[in-house]
Amino acid sequence: MSWKDRVELYDEIETHRGRPLIVYVTSKRLGASTSMASDAMPILIEQIDALPKAAKEVDLMIVSLGGDPMVAWRLISVLHQRVERIEVLIPQSAYSAATLVALGADKIFMHPYGHLGPVDMQIYNPAAEGFAKWFSTEDITAFIDFVRDTLKITDQEHVRALFEMTCKEITSLGIGYSARSSKLAVDLAERLLTRHMKDEDLKAKVRNIVESMSRKFQAHAYPISRSEAIAMQLPVDEKRDAVLEKLMWAAWVDLEAELKETEPFDIISELLTSSEASKLLAPVPQLDIAAPVTAGSNYQTSLQDIIDKKTSSIDPVDFAVTGVIIDSARLGYAFVTKGKILASRLPDLRIQYSLFVSNKTWDKQVRPTKPVADTAITAGAEPTAMEGQIPMNSMQLGSAAPGGEFPMDVSNPMPSQVRGTSGGTSKPEPAPAQPTIKPDQPQPQKK
């Protein structure tokens, strides 16, 4: 359940495939999910620089719900500057922007449990009443089609009035931004596919593939299976490789365990599993006072003494969440968010808390070997302790995309700090006033 444990698996995959491997995973953990963001590019470039000098091909294993599509474009572009051939390994889910990465590969190897997703842009627009609105260009056109085709409202004045209501709800600039984002998704998908589908007969298929990936499916979270991807004529390897499938899944299971994806991040759960839980759940002292007692000065003093003796101090609870992992057999990077939870119990017995993020860093580990260009990597070599920490911003805690939707971001994300409120619920920081495009989980860019 650490980079040290996965190094031997990476060695086995590289030996089996005959090429180096880079792993890029963003967390899908409920309450602490992350997305592909530009602050990961320097780390990915460092992994690319660490490739053996003689390497002409590379495998990229990716698991993500998506994020900034420009990160997908930059990653594929940078890899093509370094190697001649890129193959993408998908052991589990690669949605949205992660799907764009796969489209830029010369070959895609999908595990039977792996899946891709549509590439239609998802837009985030904050509402005055505090509820975020998520939509895409397809949602707007679907609404207009519903009005005309299903409701049979064809009068232009009525259609115009409904469209004006839509503009008022998400603003005209939001609609324009949505239209541009939709064109960007189609353009990037076409550019990435035509990098390796260069024959004239293949180019004719590119447009059909892109149209299917952006408009065919009715939900952004629709999982495109291996068989569907092959039927769509994506560059998926149709041959099964049992050895590779086993190694890929073993690596993913270890990554999943380190990210704690099967354990939702919940502030109350963090408190109740800490050393301070006994104080928060301590029995409530009950004071029985006879009704006719006169509240004189001695009575008030005695009551205050009792209250003071029953008062307990609850220390801050530390937390740490791993949100992104960028691995190879040579380097290990993990983006870790650390902070403290302050809590107290109210007179009505509800737990009140506040969450404060104190540190965000890329934790780095380096495998102590001879220069990679001069000698092969020995399986099982022990990694060193943490070499250093690189401050970054890359995670939001305490929120997740509604309805299982995994948006693709094309803008700067929102702040990551989350405040707690009485009653044990958490609310994110207020969103910006103007429409922005929402990542799977927001991530501020490095300043």
Protein backbone atom coordinates (compact mmCIF):
# COMPACT_ATOMS: atom_id res chain seq x y z
CA MET A 1 0.00 0.00 0.00
CA SER A 2 2.82 2.36 -0.93
CA TRP A 3 5.17 3.21 -3.78
CA LYS A 4 7.75 0.89 -2.23
CA ASP A 5 5.31 -2.01 -2.53
CA ARG A 6 4.43 -1.20 -6.16
CA VAL A 7 7.98 -0.90 -7.51
CA GLU A 8 8.30 -4.64 -8.08
CA LEU A 9 4.94 -4.69 -9.89
CA TYR A 10 6.14 -1.85 -12.13
CA ASP A 11 9.34 -3.79 -12.81
CA GLU A 12 7.31 -6.84 -13.85
CA ILE A 13 5.10 -4.77 -16.17
CA GLU A 14 8.13 -3.10 -17.77
CA THR A 15 9.87 -6.45 -18.24
CA HIS A 16 6.73 -8.01 -19.73
CA ARG A 17 6.09 -5.06 -22.06
CA GLY A 18 9.72 -4.25 -22.90
CA ARG A 19 9.27 -0.50 -22.28
CA PRO A 20 9.15 1.91 -19.32
CA LEU A 21 5.92 2.71 -17.50
CA ILE A 22 4.50 5.93 -16.04
CA VAL A 23 1.41 5.87 -13.79
CA TYR A 24 -0.97 8.83 -13.35
CA VAL A 25 -3.90 8.38 -10.94
CA THR A 26 -6.28 10.96 -9.44
CA SER A 27 -8.45 10.02 -6.49
CA LYS A 28 -12.12 9.10 -6.81
CA ARG A 29 -12.56 8.91 -3.04
CA LEU A 30 -15.98 10.16 -2.00
CA GLY A 31 -15.59 13.50 -0.22
CA ALA A 32 -11.96 13.95 -1.30
CA SER A 33 -11.82 13.34 -5.05
CA THR A 34 -9.37 15.17 -7.29
CA SER A 35 -9.00 15.84 -10.99
CA MET A 36 -6.37 16.27 -13.66
CA ALA A 37 -4.88 19.74 -13.23
CA SER A 38 -1.93 21.73 -14.55
CA ASP A 39 0.04 21.51 -11.30
CA ALA A 40 0.70 17.86 -12.14
CA MET A 41 2.57 18.73 -15.35
CA PRO A 42 5.96 19.49 -13.71
CA ILE A 43 5.78 16.13 -11.93
CA LEU A 44 4.86 14.30 -15.14
CA ILE A 45 7.71 16.04 -16.96
CA GLU A 46 10.11 14.91 -14.22
CA GLN A 47 8.89 11.34 -14.74
CA ILE A 48 9.45 11.72 -18.50
CA ASP A 49 12.96 13.06 -17.91
CA ALA A 50 13.70 10.01 -15.75
CA LEU A 51 12.94 7.59 -18.62
CA PRO A 52 15.90 5.57 -19.90
CA LYS A 53 17.67 7.55 -22.61
CA ALA A 54 17.33 4.70 -25.09
CA ALA A 55 13.56 4.44 -24.62
CA LYS A 56 11.60 5.02 -27.83
CA GLU A 57 8.28 3.74 -26.53
CA VAL A 58 6.41 4.27 -23.25
CA ASP A 59 3.38 2.90 -21.46
CA LEU A 60 1.12 5.33 -19.57
CA MET A 61 -1.28 3.83 -17.04
CA ILE A 62 -4.05 6.29 -16.20
CA VAL A 63 -7.04 6.21 -13.83
CA SER A 64 -9.03 9.41 -13.38
CA LEU A 65 -12.51 10.90 -13.52
CA GLY A 66 -11.11 13.65 -15.75
CA GLY A 67 -10.31 17.31 -15.27
CA ASP A 68 -8.58 19.93 -17.40
CA PRO A 69 -8.57 18.77 -21.05
CA MET A 70 -5.54 20.94 -21.77
CA VAL A 71 -3.54 18.76 -19.37
CA ALA A 72 -4.41 15.78 -21.57
CA TRP A 73 -3.24 17.67 -24.66
CA ARG A 74 -0.02 18.87 -23.00
CA LEU A 75 0.80 15.42 -21.61
CA ILE A 76 0.45 13.68 -24.98
CA SER A 77 2.35 16.49 -26.73
CA VAL A 78 5.25 16.32 -24.28
CA LEU A 79 5.42 12.53 -24.48
CA HIS A 80 5.55 12.68 -28.29
CA GLN A 81 8.51 15.04 -28.05
CA ARG A 82 10.37 12.39 -26.04
CA VAL A 83 9.27 9.03 -27.51
CA GLU A 84 8.03 7.71 -30.84
CA ARG A 85 5.18 5.55 -29.57
CA ILE A 86 2.73 5.85 -26.66
CA GLU A 87 0.47 3.09 -25.41
CA VAL A 88 -2.11 3.72 -22.68
CA LEU A 89 -3.06 1.10 -20.09
CA ILE A 90 -6.50 1.41 -18.48
CA PRO A 91 -7.05 -0.92 -15.52
CA GLN A 92 -10.18 0.85 -14.28
CA SER A 93 -11.99 4.13 -15.12
CA ALA A 94 -10.56 6.79 -17.43
CA TYR A 95 -13.30 9.36 -17.93
CA SER A 96 -13.51 12.69 -19.68
CA ALA A 97 -10.04 14.30 -19.93
CA ALA A 98 -8.46 10.92 -19.15
CA THR A 99 -10.31 9.56 -22.19
CA LEU A 100 -8.70 12.32 -24.25
CA VAL A 101 -5.30 11.03 -23.10
CA ALA A 102 -6.27 7.57 -24.33
CA LEU A 103 -7.39 8.98 -27.70
CA GLY A 104 -3.88 10.39 -28.15
CA ALA A 105 -2.25 6.97 -27.71
CA ASP A 106 -1.07 4.78 -30.58
CA LYS A 107 -2.69 1.82 -28.83
CA ILE A 108 -5.04 1.43 -25.87
CA PHE A 109 -4.88 -1.68 -23.69
CA MET A 110 -8.05 -1.93 -21.63
CA HIS A 111 -8.50 -4.33 -18.73
CA PRO A 112 -11.88 -6.13 -18.89
CA TYR A 113 -12.91 -3.99 -15.90
CA GLY A 114 -11.64 -0.79 -17.50
CA HIS A 115 -13.78 1.79 -19.24
CA LEU A 116 -13.62 5.15 -21.00
CA GLY A 117 -16.17 7.98 -20.96
CA PRO A 118 -17.73 10.65 -23.19
CA VAL A 119 -15.73 13.82 -23.86
CA ASP A 120 -18.51 16.41 -23.76
CA MET A 121 -17.57 19.40 -21.63
CA GLN A 122 -19.34 19.90 -18.28
CA ILE A 123 -19.91 23.50 -17.18
CA TYR A 124 -20.29 24.68 -13.61
CA ASN A 125 -22.33 27.77 -12.82
CA PRO A 126 -22.98 28.96 -9.24
CA ALA A 127 -26.56 29.93 -8.44
CA ALA A 128 -27.74 32.78 -6.26
CA GLU A 129 -29.57 30.36 -3.95
CA GLY A 130 -26.32 28.47 -3.34
CA PHE A 131 -26.96 25.41 -5.51
CA ALA A 132 -24.43 24.79 -8.25
CA LYS A 133 -25.75 24.23 -11.75
CA TRP A 134 -24.01 21.67 -13.92
CA PHE A 135 -24.71 21.57 -17.62
CA SER A 136 -23.24 21.12 -21.07
CA THR A 137 -24.14 22.34 -24.53
CA GLU A 138 -25.95 19.05 -25.02
CA ASP A 139 -28.24 19.88 -22.08
CA ILE A 140 -29.21 23.21 -23.65
CA THR A 141 -29.97 21.69 -27.05
CA ALA A 142 -31.83 18.81 -25.38
CA PHE A 143 -34.06 21.35 -23.61
CA ILE A 144 -34.87 23.15 -26.87
CA ASP A 145 -35.59 19.81 -28.60
CA PHE A 146 -37.83 18.78 -25.71
CA VAL A 147 -39.82 22.02 -26.01
CA ARG A 148 -40.29 21.70 -29.77
CA ASP A 149 -40.55 17.94 -30.29
CA THR A 150 -42.13 16.63 -27.09
CA LEU A 151 -44.18 19.57 -25.84
CA LYS A 152 -44.95 20.64 -29.43
CA ILE A 153 -44.34 24.29 -28.62
CA THR A 154 -43.44 25.75 -31.99
CA ASP A 155 -44.60 29.33 -31.59
CA GLN A 156 -41.45 31.42 -31.88
CA GLU A 157 -42.50 33.82 -29.15
CA HIS A 158 -42.98 30.99 -26.68
CA VAL A 159 -39.67 29.39 -27.64
CA ARG A 160 -37.98 32.76 -27.32
CA ALA A 161 -39.46 33.31 -23.85
CA LEU A 162 -38.22 29.91 -22.68
CA PHE A 163 -34.76 30.55 -24.07
CA GLU A 164 -34.65 33.92 -22.30
CA MET A 165 -35.48 32.14 -19.05
CA THR A 166 -32.58 29.77 -19.71
CA CYS A 167 -30.24 32.70 -20.34
CA LYS A 168 -31.40 34.30 -17.11
CA GLU A 169 -30.74 31.11 -15.19
CA ILE A 170 -27.23 30.35 -16.48
CA THR A 171 -26.45 33.71 -18.15
CA SER A 172 -25.83 34.29 -21.84
CA LEU A 173 -22.06 34.23 -21.26
CA GLY A 174 -22.43 30.82 -19.66
CA ILE A 175 -24.19 29.52 -22.77
CA GLY A 176 -21.51 31.02 -25.00
CA TYR A 177 -18.79 29.50 -22.84
CA SER A 178 -20.54 26.15 -23.05
CA ALA A 179 -20.65 26.34 -26.86
CA ARG A 180 -16.94 27.16 -27.06
CA SER A 181 -16.09 24.37 -24.63
CA SER A 182 -18.04 21.87 -26.71
CA LYS A 183 -16.08 22.88 -29.82
CA LEU A 184 -12.84 22.61 -27.83
CA ALA A 185 -13.65 19.04 -26.80
CA VAL A 186 -14.36 18.01 -30.39
CA ASP A 187 -11.25 19.79 -31.69
CA LEU A 188 -8.93 18.21 -29.11
CA ALA A 189 -10.36 14.74 -29.71
CA GLU A 190 -9.85 15.09 -33.47
CA ARG A 191 -6.30 16.40 -33.06
CA LEU A 192 -5.34 13.60 -30.70
CA LEU A 193 -6.80 10.86 -32.92
CA THR A 194 -5.23 12.19 -36.11
CA ARG A 195 -1.79 12.05 -34.48
CA HIS A 196 -1.77 8.31 -35.11
CA MET A 197 -4.74 7.71 -37.47
CA LYS A 198 -3.01 9.24 -40.47
CA ASP A 199 -4.21 7.04 -43.32
CA GLU A 200 -6.92 8.59 -45.45
CA ASP A 201 -9.38 5.80 -44.74
CA LEU A 202 -8.75 6.18 -40.99
CA LYS A 203 -9.13 9.96 -41.09
CA ALA A 204 -12.62 9.49 -42.47
CA LYS A 205 -13.49 7.52 -39.34
CA VAL A 206 -12.15 10.14 -36.94
CA ARG A 207 -15.13 12.45 -37.31
CA ASN A 208 -17.58 9.62 -36.64
CA ILE A 209 -15.62 8.53 -33.57
CA VAL A 210 -15.53 12.08 -32.17
CA GLU A 211 -19.23 12.63 -32.80
CA SER A 212 -20.03 9.40 -30.96
CA MET A 213 -17.74 10.27 -28.03
CA SER A 214 -19.19 13.76 -27.62
CA ARG A 215 -22.90 13.44 -28.51
CA LYS A 216 -24.03 9.83 -28.65
CA PHE A 217 -24.27 9.15 -24.92
CA GLN A 218 -26.93 10.74 -22.73
CA ALA A 219 -24.80 10.99 -19.58
CA HIS A 220 -21.29 12.29 -19.04
CA ALA A 221 -20.71 9.42 -16.60
CA TYR A 222 -21.63 6.74 -19.16
CA PRO A 223 -18.99 3.96 -18.98
CA ILE A 224 -17.71 2.91 -22.40
CA SER A 225 -16.62 -0.70 -22.05
CA ARG A 226 -13.77 -2.42 -23.86
CA SER A 227 -16.12 -4.11 -26.32
CA GLU A 228 -17.93 -0.82 -27.05
CA ALA A 229 -14.62 0.98 -27.59
CA ILE A 230 -13.55 -1.69 -30.09
CA ALA A 231 -16.91 -1.44 -31.88
CA MET A 232 -16.41 2.34 -32.13
CA GLN A 233 -13.08 1.61 -33.89
CA LEU A 234 -10.96 3.22 -31.22
CA PRO A 235 -7.32 2.04 -31.24
CA VAL A 236 -7.99 -0.61 -28.59
CA ASP A 237 -5.86 -3.76 -28.62
CA GLU A 238 -8.29 -6.57 -29.38
CA LYS A 239 -5.90 -9.26 -28.14
CA ARG A 240 -6.16 -10.20 -24.47
CA ASP A 241 -2.98 -10.48 -22.38
CA ALA A 242 -3.69 -12.40 -19.19
CA VAL A 243 -0.30 -11.65 -17.63
CA LEU A 244 -0.57 -7.92 -18.23
CA GLU A 245 -4.17 -7.84 -17.03
CA LYS A 246 -3.17 -9.51 -13.77
CA LEU A 247 -0.25 -7.12 -13.20
CA MET A 248 -2.33 -4.04 -14.08
CA TRP A 249 -5.08 -5.02 -11.67
CA ALA A 250 -2.63 -5.79 -8.87
CA ALA A 251 -1.06 -2.34 -9.31
CA TRP A 252 -4.48 -0.69 -9.35
CA VAL A 253 -5.62 -2.50 -6.18
CA ASP A 254 -2.53 -1.22 -4.37
CA LEU A 255 -3.08 2.32 -5.67
CA GLU A 256 -6.74 2.15 -4.65
CA ALA A 257 -5.73 1.11 -1.14
CA GLU A 258 -3.25 3.98 -0.77
CA LEU A 259 -5.89 6.47 -1.92
CA LYS A 260 -8.44 4.84 0.45
CA GLU A 261 -11.08 4.94 -2.28
CA THR A 262 -13.27 2.42 -0.48
CA GLU A 263 -13.40 4.66 2.63
CA PRO A 264 -15.34 7.92 2.10
CA PHE A 265 -13.68 10.96 3.66
CA ASP A 266 -16.12 12.13 6.30
CA ILE A 267 -15.20 14.70 8.94
CA ILE A 268 -17.42 13.17 11.64
CA SER A 269 -15.89 9.75 10.97
CA GLU A 270 -12.41 11.26 11.27
CA LEU A 271 -13.36 12.74 14.64
CA LEU A 272 -14.98 9.59 15.97
CA THR A 273 -11.99 7.42 15.07
CA SER A 274 -9.52 9.82 16.70
CA SER A 275 -8.23 9.94 20.26
CA GLU A 276 -10.64 12.81 20.97
CA ALA A 277 -13.74 10.69 20.30
CA SER A 278 -14.15 9.77 23.98
CA LYS A 279 -14.46 13.45 24.89
CA LEU A 280 -16.97 14.17 22.13
CA LEU A 281 -19.08 11.16 23.13
CA ALA A 282 -18.68 11.46 26.89
CA PRO A 283 -21.87 11.07 28.95
CA VAL A 284 -23.74 14.30 29.46
CA PRO A 285 -23.65 15.41 33.13
CA GLN A 286 -27.09 15.97 34.56
CA LEU A 287 -27.69 18.36 37.43
CA ASP A 288 -30.84 17.86 39.52
CA ILE A 289 -31.99 21.05 41.30
CA ALA A 290 -35.04 21.30 43.49
CA ALA A 291 -37.65 23.67 42.07
CA PRO A 292 -38.18 25.89 45.13
CA VAL A 293 -34.47 26.66 45.57
CA THR A 294 -33.83 30.39 45.59
CA ALA A 295 -31.04 31.44 43.23
CA GLY A 296 -28.90 33.37 45.67
CA SER A 297 -25.23 34.24 45.34
CA ASN A 298 -24.07 31.01 47.00
CA TYR A 299 -26.23 28.99 44.63
CA GLN A 300 -24.74 30.72 41.56
CA THR A 301 -21.20 30.13 42.81
CA SER A 302 -21.83 26.43 43.43
CA LEU A 303 -23.40 25.97 39.98
CA GLN A 304 -20.44 27.62 38.24
CA ASP A 305 -18.00 25.38 40.15
CA ILE A 306 -19.87 22.31 38.89
CA ILE A 307 -19.84 23.54 35.29
CA ASP A 308 -16.12 24.37 35.43
CA LYS A 309 -15.23 20.93 36.71
CA LYS A 310 -17.21 19.26 33.93
CA THR A 311 -15.62 21.31 31.13
CA SER A 312 -13.19 19.35 28.91
CA SER A 313 -10.74 20.54 26.27
CA ILE A 314 -10.87 18.85 22.86
CA ASP A 315 -7.57 18.96 21.00
CA PRO A 316 -7.39 19.51 17.21
CA VAL A 317 -7.48 16.29 15.18
CA ASP A 318 -4.89 15.92 12.43
CA PHE A 319 -5.83 14.50 9.03
CA ALA A 320 -3.94 13.67 5.84
CA VAL A 321 -5.47 12.73 2.48
CA THR A 322 -3.62 11.48 -0.61
CA GLY A 323 -5.27 12.87 -3.74
CA VAL A 324 -2.96 12.19 -6.70
CA ILE A 325 -0.27 9.59 -7.40
CA ILE A 326 2.26 9.88 -10.23
CA ASP A 327 4.49 6.81 -10.18
CA SER A 328 7.13 4.91 -12.04
CA ALA A 329 9.76 2.34 -11.12
CA ARG A 330 12.19 5.25 -10.81
CA LEU A 331 10.26 7.96 -8.95
CA GLY A 332 7.22 8.06 -6.71
CA TYR A 333 5.10 11.19 -6.20
CA ALA A 334 2.01 11.57 -4.04
CA PHE A 335 0.00 14.76 -3.57
CA VAL A 336 -0.95 14.95 0.10
CA THR A 337 -3.31 17.43 1.76
CA LYS A 338 -2.86 17.86 5.51
CA GLY A 339 -4.75 19.86 8.06
CA LYS A 340 -6.61 19.94 11.36
CA ILE A 341 -10.21 19.48 12.44
CA LEU A 342 -11.44 21.61 15.36
CA ALA A 343 -14.55 20.28 17.07
CA SER A 344 -16.81 20.74 20.06
CA ARG A 345 -20.14 19.43 21.24
CA LEU A 346 -23.01 21.88 21.51
CA PRO A 347 -25.57 21.98 24.35
CA ASP A 348 -28.10 20.25 22.07
CA LEU A 349 -25.51 17.40 21.69
CA ARG A 350 -24.71 18.12 18.04
CA ILE A 351 -21.03 18.11 17.07
CA GLN A 352 -19.75 21.35 15.58
CA TYR A 353 -16.52 21.33 13.58
CA SER A 354 -14.29 23.34 11.28
CA LEU A 355 -11.77 21.92 8.84
CA PHE A 356 -8.56 23.81 8.09
CA VAL A 357 -6.07 22.82 5.38
CA SER A 358 -2.58 23.66 6.60
CA ASN A 359 -0.35 22.09 3.97
CA LYS A 360 -0.47 20.74 0.41
CA THR A 361 2.64 19.04 -0.89
CA TRP A 362 3.95 16.64 -3.51
CA ASP A 363 5.79 14.01 -1.45
CA LYS A 364 8.65 12.53 -3.46
CA GLN A 365 10.49 9.22 -3.22
CA VAL A 366 13.49 8.22 -5.34
CA ARG A 367 14.70 4.71 -5.96
CA PRO A 368 18.43 4.49 -5.21
CA THR A 369 19.87 3.00 -8.40
CA LYS A 370 22.61 3.74 -10.83
CA PRO A 371 21.72 6.15 -13.67
CA VAL A 372 18.78 4.66 -15.57
CA ALA A 373 20.41 5.23 -18.95
CA ASP A 374 23.41 3.08 -18.05
CA THR A 375 21.95 0.09 -16.25
CA ALA A 376 18.69 -1.79 -15.89
CA ILE A 377 16.60 -1.33 -12.77
CA THR A 378 16.95 -4.16 -10.28
CA ALA A 379 13.64 -5.52 -9.06
CA GLY A 380 13.02 -5.12 -5.36
CA ALA A 381 15.50 -2.31 -4.68
CA GLU A 382 14.60 -0.45 -1.51
CA PRO A 383 13.47 3.15 -1.97
CA THR A 384 14.78 5.92 0.22
CA ALA A 385 12.76 7.95 2.69
CA MET A 386 10.95 11.08 1.53
CA GLU A 387 13.44 13.14 -0.42
CA GLY A 388 11.47 16.36 -0.32
CA GLN A 389 8.15 18.07 -0.44
CA ILE A 390 7.03 20.38 -3.21
CA PRO A 391 4.22 22.75 -2.16
CA MET A 392 1.27 22.66 -4.55
CA ASN A 393 -2.49 23.10 -4.64
CA SER A 394 -4.41 20.17 -6.05
CA MET A 395 -7.34 19.05 -3.95
CA GLN A 396 -10.76 19.89 -2.55
CA LEU A 397 -12.14 18.10 0.47
CA GLY A 398 -15.67 17.44 1.51
CA SER A 399 -17.54 17.66 -1.81
CA ALA A 400 -18.13 15.63 -4.93
CA ALA A 401 -19.83 16.03 -8.27
CA PRO A 402 -23.59 15.48 -7.96
CA GLY A 403 -25.42 12.57 -9.52
CA GLY A 404 -22.27 10.65 -10.39
CA GLU A 405 -21.31 13.16 -13.08
CA PHE A 406 -17.61 13.64 -13.70
CA PRO A 407 -17.06 17.04 -15.32
CA MET A 408 -14.13 18.00 -17.50
CA ASP A 409 -12.49 21.24 -16.51
CA VAL A 410 -11.07 23.87 -18.84
CA SER A 411 -10.49 26.67 -16.36
CA ASN A 412 -8.93 27.52 -13.03
CA PRO A 413 -10.61 25.55 -10.25
CA MET A 414 -11.95 26.85 -6.95
CA PRO A 415 -10.39 27.06 -3.46
CA SER A 416 -9.97 23.86 -1.51
CA GLN A 417 -10.71 24.82 2.08
CA VAL A 418 -13.98 23.62 3.55
CA ARG A 419 -15.71 24.99 6.63
CA GLY A 420 -17.79 22.89 9.00
CA THR A 421 -21.10 23.96 10.46
CA SER A 422 -23.10 22.95 13.47
CA GLY A 423 -24.87 19.66 13.12
CA GLY A 424 -21.94 17.83 11.56
CA THR A 425 -22.34 18.96 7.97
CA SER A 426 -19.79 20.76 5.81
CA LYS A 427 -20.19 23.51 3.26
CA PRO A 428 -17.62 24.52 0.60
CA GLU A 429 -16.31 28.04 0.31
CA PRO A 430 -18.56 30.36 -1.76
CA ALA A 431 -18.06 29.83 -5.49
CA PRO A 432 -17.10 32.69 -7.83
CA ALA A 433 -19.91 34.89 -9.12
CA GLN A 434 -19.31 34.34 -12.82
CA PRO A 435 -19.82 31.00 -14.59
CA THR A 436 -16.74 28.82 -14.59
CA ILE A 437 -16.08 25.32 -15.76
CA LYS A 438 -16.09 22.84 -12.95
CA PRO A 439 -13.50 20.07 -12.57
CA ASP A 440 -14.29 16.68 -11.09
CA GLN A 441 -12.91 18.17 -8.00
CA PRO A 442 -11.53 21.74 -8.09
CA GLN A 443 -7.85 22.36 -7.90
CA PRO A 444 -6.27 25.80 -7.75
CA GLN A 445 -3.29 26.29 -9.96
CA LYS A 446 0.10 26.90 -8.43
CA LYS A 447 0.87 30.58 -7.92
